[in-house]
Amino acid sequence: QVQLAESGGGLVQAGGSLRLSCVASGSIFSINGNVMVGWYRQASGKQRELVATITIGGSTNYAESVKGRFTISRDNAKNTVYLQMSSLKPEDTAVYYCSGLTARGFRSWGQGTQVTVSS
């Protein structure tokens, strides 16, 4: 199973933008590896929640709270999945995690990256 590492978090003012990157130690998508990669977030004192996913076929899915503001994309040549976040709100503040899911249901996680949006 490939290892995932997130980067790109930081402090930004409300209305600003950030791009998160999830880099895999090998092929981020493969038939025998990840068939779906997603971004999740966990705010302090809350449960981890889904933000966006992208499949090996390129289909995407978003949480209602981020539709129209966040975009998930991939660069297979760089073994990277991105999360472009725009029009950020203070309620987007959380630790953002990248996760891979195999066809057999095995899930892997990165270490997370902190995103803080100030009002």
Protein backbone atom coordinates (compact mmCIF):
# COMPACT_ATOMS: atom_id res chain seq x y z
CA GLN A 1 0.00 0.00 0.00
CA VAL A 2 1.36 3.40 -0.97
CA GLN A 3 1.97 6.03 1.69
CA LEU A 4 0.13 9.34 1.43
CA ALA A 5 1.49 12.72 2.53
CA GLU A 6 -0.47 15.97 2.63
CA SER A 7 0.91 19.47 2.32
CA GLY A 8 -0.28 22.98 1.58
CA GLY A 9 -2.17 23.84 4.72
CA GLY A 10 -1.77 27.13 6.53
CA LEU A 11 -3.43 30.26 7.80
CA VAL A 12 -5.61 32.25 5.42
CA GLN A 13 -8.17 35.00 5.76
CA ALA A 14 -11.82 34.38 5.05
CA GLY A 15 -12.48 34.62 1.33
CA GLY A 16 -8.99 33.43 0.49
CA SER A 17 -7.73 30.33 -1.25
CA LEU A 18 -5.41 27.41 -0.56
CA ARG A 19 -4.37 24.36 -2.54
CA LEU A 20 -3.70 21.14 -0.69
CA SER A 21 -1.61 18.37 -2.19
CA CYS A 22 -1.67 14.66 -1.43
CA VAL A 23 1.43 12.95 -2.75
CA ALA A 24 1.69 9.17 -2.90
CA SER A 25 4.91 7.16 -2.49
CA GLY A 26 3.94 5.20 -5.61
CA SER A 27 1.11 5.19 -8.12
CA ILE A 28 -1.70 7.02 -6.41
CA PHE A 29 -4.29 5.13 -8.49
CA SER A 30 -4.04 1.55 -9.67
CA ILE A 31 -6.27 -1.48 -10.13
CA ASN A 32 -4.46 -3.27 -7.30
CA GLY A 33 -4.08 -0.12 -5.19
CA ASN A 34 -6.27 2.90 -4.62
CA VAL A 35 -9.41 3.10 -6.71
CA MET A 36 -10.61 6.19 -4.87
CA VAL A 37 -8.79 9.02 -3.12
CA GLY A 38 -10.56 11.47 -0.91
CA TRP A 39 -10.08 14.50 1.26
CA TYR A 40 -11.58 14.48 4.72
CA ARG A 41 -11.43 17.04 7.49
CA GLN A 42 -11.76 17.06 11.23
CA ALA A 43 -12.45 20.21 13.17
CA SER A 44 -11.58 20.43 16.84
CA GLY A 45 -14.15 18.53 18.88
CA LYS A 46 -15.97 17.19 15.83
CA GLN A 47 -16.03 13.97 13.88
CA ARG A 48 -14.03 13.52 10.72
CA GLU A 49 -16.15 14.29 7.65
CA LEU A 50 -15.90 13.76 3.93
CA VAL A 51 -14.94 16.78 1.84
CA ALA A 52 -14.42 15.41 -1.66
CA THR A 53 -13.48 12.24 -3.51
CA ILE A 54 -12.13 11.32 -6.91
CA THR A 55 -12.14 7.85 -8.41
CA ILE A 56 -9.71 6.01 -10.64
CA GLY A 57 -12.10 6.80 -13.50
CA GLY A 58 -12.11 10.50 -12.68
CA SER A 59 -15.57 10.81 -11.13
CA THR A 60 -15.78 13.37 -8.36
CA ASN A 61 -18.06 13.87 -5.39
CA TYR A 62 -18.33 16.77 -2.93
CA ALA A 63 -19.88 17.49 0.41
CA GLU A 64 -22.73 19.96 0.08
CA SER A 65 -20.91 22.42 2.30
CA VAL A 66 -18.03 22.80 -0.17
CA LYS A 67 -19.75 22.45 -3.55
CA GLY A 68 -18.89 25.34 -5.81
CA ARG A 69 -15.96 26.39 -3.62
CA PHE A 70 -13.62 23.36 -3.58
CA THR A 71 -12.28 21.37 -6.51
CA ILE A 72 -10.59 17.97 -6.32
CA SER A 73 -8.26 17.01 -9.14
CA ARG A 74 -5.37 14.68 -9.87
CA ASP A 75 -2.08 14.50 -11.70
CA ASN A 76 -1.28 10.85 -12.23
CA ALA A 77 2.19 11.63 -13.56
CA LYS A 78 3.01 13.30 -10.24
CA ASN A 79 1.14 10.72 -8.13
CA THR A 80 -0.75 13.63 -6.62
CA VAL A 81 -4.34 14.54 -5.79
CA TYR A 82 -5.11 18.20 -5.15
CA LEU A 83 -7.82 20.03 -3.29
CA GLN A 84 -8.22 23.60 -4.50
CA MET A 85 -10.13 25.55 -1.88
CA SER A 86 -11.59 28.96 -2.64
CA SER A 87 -13.92 31.38 -0.85
CA LEU A 88 -12.75 29.89 2.41
CA LYS A 89 -14.86 30.38 5.53
CA PRO A 90 -13.91 30.17 9.20
CA GLU A 91 -15.98 26.99 9.42
CA ASP A 92 -13.57 25.35 6.95
CA THR A 93 -10.93 25.40 9.71
CA ALA A 94 -9.85 21.83 10.37
CA VAL A 95 -7.13 19.28 9.92
CA TYR A 96 -7.43 17.99 6.37
CA TYR A 97 -6.57 14.38 5.64
CA CYS A 98 -5.98 12.54 2.41
CA SER A 99 -7.26 8.97 2.25
CA GLY A 100 -6.93 6.17 -0.25
CA LEU A 101 -9.40 3.31 -0.65
CA THR A 102 -8.69 0.02 -2.41
CA ALA A 103 -11.21 -2.16 -4.22
CA ARG A 104 -10.99 -4.59 -1.28
CA GLY A 105 -11.98 -1.87 1.15
CA PHE A 106 -8.61 -1.16 2.73
CA ARG A 107 -8.29 2.50 3.67
CA SER A 108 -5.07 4.38 4.24
CA TRP A 109 -4.57 7.87 5.69
CA GLY A 110 -2.01 10.60 5.53
CA GLN A 111 -0.83 12.50 8.58
CA GLY A 112 -3.02 15.55 7.94
CA THR A 113 -2.42 19.22 7.33
CA GLN A 114 -3.89 22.09 9.33
CA VAL A 115 -6.04 24.69 7.60
CA THR A 116 -7.01 27.74 9.63
CA VAL A 117 -9.34 30.40 8.23
CA SER A 118 -9.47 33.66 10.14
CA SER A 119 -12.50 35.93 10.09
